[in-house]
Protein backbone atom coordinates (compact mmCIF):
# COMPACT_ATOMS: atom_id res chain seq x y z
CA UNK A 1 -4.18 35.77 69.11
CA UNK A 2 -3.15 38.93 68.22
CA UNK A 3 -0.22 39.20 66.23
CA UNK A 4 1.48 42.04 64.22
CA UNK A 5 3.41 42.84 61.37
CA UNK A 6 5.87 45.55 60.16
CA UNK A 7 8.24 46.94 57.65
CA UNK A 8 7.94 44.09 54.33
CA UNK A 9 6.02 41.92 56.17
CA UNK A 10 3.17 43.80 56.32
CA UNK A 11 2.90 45.28 52.80
CA UNK A 12 3.02 41.50 51.46
CA UNK A 13 -0.53 40.34 53.39
CA UNK A 14 -1.87 44.08 53.43
CA UNK A 15 -2.86 44.70 56.66
CA UNK A 16 -1.70 45.47 59.98
CA UNK A 17 -2.31 42.60 62.14
CA UNK A 18 -4.45 40.00 62.18
CA UNK A 19 -5.93 37.55 64.32
CA UNK A 20 -4.90 33.99 64.27
CA UNK A 21 -7.20 30.87 66.18
CA UNK A 22 -4.90 28.70 68.10
CA UNK A 23 -6.09 26.30 70.79
CA UNK A 24 -5.00 26.91 74.03
CA UNK A 25 -1.34 26.16 75.42
CA UNK A 26 0.18 26.23 71.60
CA UNK A 27 3.60 27.52 70.81
CA UNK A 28 5.23 30.25 68.91
CA UNK A 29 6.37 27.54 66.55
CA UNK A 30 2.46 26.42 66.17
CA UNK A 31 1.63 29.82 65.36
CA UNK A 32 4.79 30.57 62.48
CA UNK A 33 2.59 27.20 60.80
CA UNK A 34 -0.96 28.88 60.97
CA UNK A 35 0.99 32.16 59.94
CA UNK A 36 2.42 30.47 56.35
CA UNK A 37 -0.83 28.45 56.10
CA UNK A 38 -2.98 31.34 56.02
CA UNK A 39 -0.38 33.71 53.92
CA UNK A 40 1.50 31.54 52.08
CA UNK A 41 3.81 34.17 50.41
CA UNK A 42 5.67 34.19 54.10
CA UNK A 43 6.99 31.87 53.73
CA UNK A 44 9.95 32.17 51.54
CA UNK A 45 10.42 35.14 54.10
CA UNK A 46 9.99 33.41 57.26
CA UNK A 47 10.88 29.79 57.08
CA UNK A 48 14.04 28.66 56.06
CA UNK A 49 14.33 25.04 53.77
CA UNK A 50 14.05 22.82 56.43
CA UNK A 51 10.79 24.87 57.49
CA UNK A 52 12.98 26.22 60.40
CA UNK A 53 12.44 30.42 61.70
CA UNK A 54 14.94 32.44 59.41
CA UNK A 55 17.69 34.00 61.63
CA UNK A 56 16.99 37.36 60.81
CA UNK A 57 12.82 36.89 61.27
CA UNK A 58 12.28 38.55 64.93
CA UNK A 59 8.99 37.66 67.46
CA UNK A 60 7.88 39.59 69.81
CA UNK A 61 5.83 38.34 72.67
CA UNK A 62 4.53 41.04 74.56
CA UNK A 63 7.42 43.54 73.70
CA UNK A 64 9.82 40.40 74.27
CA UNK A 65 11.81 39.09 71.95
CA UNK A 66 11.71 35.34 72.24
CA UNK A 67 15.09 34.52 71.42
CA UNK A 68 16.19 35.70 74.91
CA UNK A 69 13.17 33.65 76.14
CA UNK A 70 14.46 30.18 77.90
CA UNK A 71 11.81 27.84 75.42
CA UNK A 72 12.65 30.49 72.05
CA UNK A 73 10.21 28.81 69.74
CA UNK A 74 9.09 26.25 71.22
CA UNK A 75 7.49 29.02 73.67
CA UNK A 76 3.76 28.76 74.86
CA UNK A 77 1.31 31.26 74.20
CA UNK A 78 -1.13 32.71 76.58
CA UNK A 79 -4.88 34.03 74.57
CA UNK A 80 -4.07 37.73 75.65
CA UNK A 81 -0.37 37.04 74.37
CA UNK A 82 0.41 40.52 71.43
CA UNK A 83 2.88 38.94 69.05
CA UNK A 84 5.20 41.23 67.11
CA UNK A 85 6.81 39.74 64.18
CA UNK A 86 9.52 42.09 62.29
CA UNK A 87 11.68 41.02 59.13
CA UNK A 88 15.00 42.31 58.45
CA UNK A 89 15.21 46.19 59.37
CA UNK A 90 17.87 48.34 57.49
CA UNK A 91 19.03 51.97 57.41
CA UNK A 92 21.06 54.39 58.93
């Protein structure tokens, strides 16, 4: 699964995108778990103390924000999906 990182998340892992191996039909929740396992520095940025996704982190599947999908973080992923992960962004 191709995962693209943006802004401060990109600088934390040192690259723009990574390939994450997951079983077919994995959930976004599983993807997040694998990402923070591979890149422990992202755990604090992406997850709260209960292990839930921080509300300010936006995950897109093929350009669609998971907050607008029926199953949100429990959305099933397909092998060709492109995932984009954005931290909070400010500016003007």
